[in-house]
Amino acid sequence: MLTLVPLFDFVQDSNGGTKTWKMLTLLVAFPGVAVCMVNAYIGEKEHLAHPHQPEFLEYSHLRLRTKRFPWGDGNHSFFHNPKLNALPAGYEVKIGGHHEHEEE
């Protein structure tokens, strides 16, 4: 009688590797990602508690408007934030830091 020799002996060995990687994923990778998410959340919360607006410097190569935007007044980008996005003339709303003294 003819006996067939399995061509892929490594298939049996891969079950142990699969279990190892599954356990590493569940016990190391997912908790590691969770710790990184918590760290990023706490850092962002601290960052938002102290608002800072970069000083506006009128450089000729920034905030160029070669043609108007097709929405609104044509000067604001689609996702414009008046506190963080400067227009060619400067910020619309000044927040934090050294800008508070200039509002007089």
C-alpha atoms as a PDB file:
ATOM      1  CA  MET A   1       0.000   0.000   0.000  1.00  0.00           C
ATOM      2  CA  LEU A   2       1.208   3.447  -0.865  1.00  0.00           C
ATOM      3  CA  THR A   3       1.473   5.989   1.983  1.00  0.00           C
ATOM      4  CA  LEU A   4       1.308   9.651   1.248  1.00  0.00           C
ATOM      5  CA  VAL A   5       3.902  11.860   2.893  1.00  0.00           C
ATOM      6  CA  PRO A   6       2.525  15.291   3.757  1.00  0.00           C
ATOM      7  CA  LEU A   7       4.149  17.880   1.535  1.00  0.00           C
ATOM      8  CA  PHE A   8       3.593  20.694   3.979  1.00  0.00           C
ATOM      9  CA  ASP A   9       4.898  19.590   7.363  1.00  0.00           C
ATOM     10  CA  PHE A  10       5.147  23.208   8.496  1.00  0.00           C
ATOM     11  CA  VAL A  11       1.342  23.503   8.619  1.00  0.00           C
ATOM     12  CA  GLN A  12       1.269  21.647  11.924  1.00  0.00           C
ATOM     13  CA  ASP A  13       4.038  23.843  13.354  1.00  0.00           C
ATOM     14  CA  SER A  14       2.304  27.051  12.321  1.00  0.00           C
ATOM     15  CA  ASN A  15      -0.543  26.431  14.760  1.00  0.00           C
ATOM     16  CA  GLY A  16       1.801  27.167  17.646  1.00  0.00           C
ATOM     17  CA  GLY A  17       3.006  30.327  15.900  1.00  0.00           C
ATOM     18  CA  THR A  18      -0.535  31.443  15.262  1.00  0.00           C
ATOM     19  CA  LYS A  19      -1.411  31.007  18.913  1.00  0.00           C
ATOM     20  CA  THR A  20       1.722  32.913  19.949  1.00  0.00           C
ATOM     21  CA  TRP A  21       0.968  35.882  17.687  1.00  0.00           C
ATOM     22  CA  LYS A  22      -2.682  35.886  18.727  1.00  0.00           C
ATOM     23  CA  MET A  23      -1.684  36.054  22.400  1.00  0.00           C
ATOM     24  CA  LEU A  24       0.934  38.752  21.681  1.00  0.00           C
ATOM     25  CA  THR A  25      -1.690  40.790  19.859  1.00  0.00           C
ATOM     26  CA  LEU A  26      -4.257  40.459  22.629  1.00  0.00           C
ATOM     27  CA  LEU A  27      -1.904  40.843  25.602  1.00  0.00           C
ATOM     28  CA  VAL A  28       0.732  43.272  24.274  1.00  0.00           C
ATOM     29  CA  ALA A  29      -0.389  45.130  21.141  1.00  0.00           C
ATOM     30  CA  PHE A  30      -3.941  46.098  22.123  1.00  0.00           C
ATOM     31  CA  PRO A  31      -3.000  47.237  25.656  1.00  0.00           C
ATOM     32  CA  GLY A  32      -0.026  49.121  24.175  1.00  0.00           C
ATOM     33  CA  VAL A  33      -2.283  50.947  21.735  1.00  0.00           C
ATOM     34  CA  ALA A  34      -4.720  51.710  24.570  1.00  0.00           C
ATOM     35  CA  VAL A  35      -1.912  53.193  26.720  1.00  0.00           C
ATOM     36  CA  CYS A  36      -0.752  55.338  23.771  1.00  0.00           C
ATOM     37  CA  MET A  37      -4.328  56.558  23.192  1.00  0.00           C
ATOM     38  CA  VAL A  38      -4.708  57.547  26.857  1.00  0.00           C
ATOM     39  CA  ASN A  39      -1.330  59.312  26.771  1.00  0.00           C
ATOM     40  CA  ALA A  40      -2.283  61.248  23.626  1.00  0.00           C
ATOM     41  CA  TYR A  41      -5.683  62.175  25.113  1.00  0.00           C
ATOM     42  CA  ILE A  42      -4.139  63.489  28.340  1.00  0.00           C
ATOM     43  CA  GLY A  43      -1.481  65.430  26.426  1.00  0.00           C
ATOM     44  CA  GLU A  44      -4.062  66.999  24.110  1.00  0.00           C
ATOM     45  CA  LYS A  45      -6.266  67.905  27.086  1.00  0.00           C
ATOM     46  CA  GLU A  46      -3.331  69.714  28.724  1.00  0.00           C
ATOM     47  CA  HIS A  47      -2.502  71.421  25.429  1.00  0.00           C
ATOM     48  CA  LEU A  48      -6.066  72.686  24.969  1.00  0.00           C
ATOM     49  CA  ALA A  49      -6.131  74.042  28.528  1.00  0.00           C
ATOM     50  CA  HIS A  50      -3.467  76.615  27.528  1.00  0.00           C
ATOM     51  CA  PRO A  51      -4.500  78.153  24.198  1.00  0.00           C
ATOM     52  CA  HIS A  52      -1.735  79.638  22.141  1.00  0.00           C
ATOM     53  CA  GLN A  53      -1.980  81.448  18.863  1.00  0.00           C
ATOM     54  CA  PRO A  54       1.200  81.820  16.815  1.00  0.00           C
ATOM     55  CA  GLU A  55       2.253  85.395  16.191  1.00  0.00           C
ATOM     56  CA  PHE A  56       0.949  86.670  12.883  1.00  0.00           C
ATOM     57  CA  LEU A  57       3.738  87.566  10.488  1.00  0.00           C
ATOM     58  CA  GLU A  58       2.730  88.954   7.131  1.00  0.00           C
ATOM     59  CA  TYR A  59       4.918  87.002   4.729  1.00  0.00           C
ATOM     60  CA  SER A  60       4.287  87.541   1.038  1.00  0.00           C
ATOM     61  CA  HIS A  61       4.477  83.816   0.234  1.00  0.00           C
ATOM     62  CA  LEU A  62       1.833  82.720   2.792  1.00  0.00           C
ATOM     63  CA  ARG A  63      -1.970  82.915   2.544  1.00  0.00           C
ATOM     64  CA  LEU A  64      -1.935  83.761  -1.161  1.00  0.00           C
ATOM     65  CA  ARG A  65      -5.340  84.263  -2.782  1.00  0.00           C
ATOM     66  CA  THR A  66      -4.965  84.046  -6.560  1.00  0.00           C
ATOM     67  CA  LYS A  67      -8.705  83.499  -6.942  1.00  0.00           C
ATOM     68  CA  ARG A  68     -11.647  83.598  -4.568  1.00  0.00           C
ATOM     69  CA  PHE A  69     -12.975  80.487  -2.844  1.00  0.00           C
ATOM     70  CA  PRO A  70     -16.344  79.480  -4.340  1.00  0.00           C
ATOM     71  CA  TRP A  71     -18.131  79.644  -0.956  1.00  0.00           C
ATOM     72  CA  GLY A  72     -18.872  82.382   1.544  1.00  0.00           C
ATOM     73  CA  ASP A  73     -17.030  85.648   1.079  1.00  0.00           C
ATOM     74  CA  GLY A  74     -14.290  83.944  -0.957  1.00  0.00           C
ATOM     75  CA  ASN A  75     -11.559  84.703   1.563  1.00  0.00           C
ATOM     76  CA  HIS A  76     -12.140  81.905   4.097  1.00  0.00           C
ATOM     77  CA  SER A  77     -11.069  78.299   3.443  1.00  0.00           C
ATOM     78  CA  PHE A  78     -13.768  75.613   3.648  1.00  0.00           C
ATOM     79  CA  PHE A  79     -12.714  74.480   7.142  1.00  0.00           C
ATOM     80  CA  HIS A  80     -11.778  77.949   8.407  1.00  0.00           C
ATOM     81  CA  ASN A  81     -11.296  78.428  12.153  1.00  0.00           C
ATOM     82  CA  PRO A  82     -11.246  82.142  13.056  1.00  0.00           C
ATOM     83  CA  LYS A  83      -9.083  81.507  16.143  1.00  0.00           C
ATOM     84  CA  LEU A  84      -6.398  79.391  14.451  1.00  0.00           C
ATOM     85  CA  ASN A  85      -6.420  80.166  10.717  1.00  0.00           C
ATOM     86  CA  ALA A  86      -5.093  83.562   9.731  1.00  0.00           C
ATOM     87  CA  LEU A  87      -6.427  85.525   6.792  1.00  0.00           C
ATOM     88  CA  PRO A  88      -4.088  87.637   4.652  1.00  0.00           C
ATOM     89  CA  ALA A  89      -4.761  90.592   6.990  1.00  0.00           C
ATOM     90  CA  GLY A  90      -4.307  88.630  10.235  1.00  0.00           C
ATOM     91  CA  TYR A  91      -6.347  86.650  12.746  1.00  0.00           C
ATOM     92  CA  GLU A  92     -10.063  87.420  13.106  1.00  0.00           C
ATOM     93  CA  VAL A  93     -10.139  86.462  16.805  1.00  0.00           C
ATOM     94  CA  LYS A  94      -7.056  86.897  18.976  1.00  0.00           C
ATOM     95  CA  ILE A  95      -6.551  84.440  21.832  1.00  0.00           C
ATOM     96  CA  GLY A  96      -3.962  83.731  24.530  1.00  0.00           C
ATOM     97  CA  GLY A  97      -0.371  84.770  24.984  1.00  0.00           C
ATOM     98  CA  HIS A  98       0.987  88.088  23.755  1.00  0.00           C
ATOM     99  CA  HIS A  99      -2.093  88.972  21.645  1.00  0.00           C
ATOM    100  CA  GLU A 100      -4.295  89.792  24.647  1.00  0.00           C
ATOM    101  CA  HIS A 101      -2.554  93.148  25.174  1.00  0.00           C
ATOM    102  CA  GLU A 102      -3.027  94.249  21.556  1.00  0.00           C
ATOM    103  CA  GLU A 103      -6.850  94.261  21.637  1.00  0.00           C
ATOM    104  CA  GLU A 104      -7.147  97.768  23.173  1.00  0.00           C
END
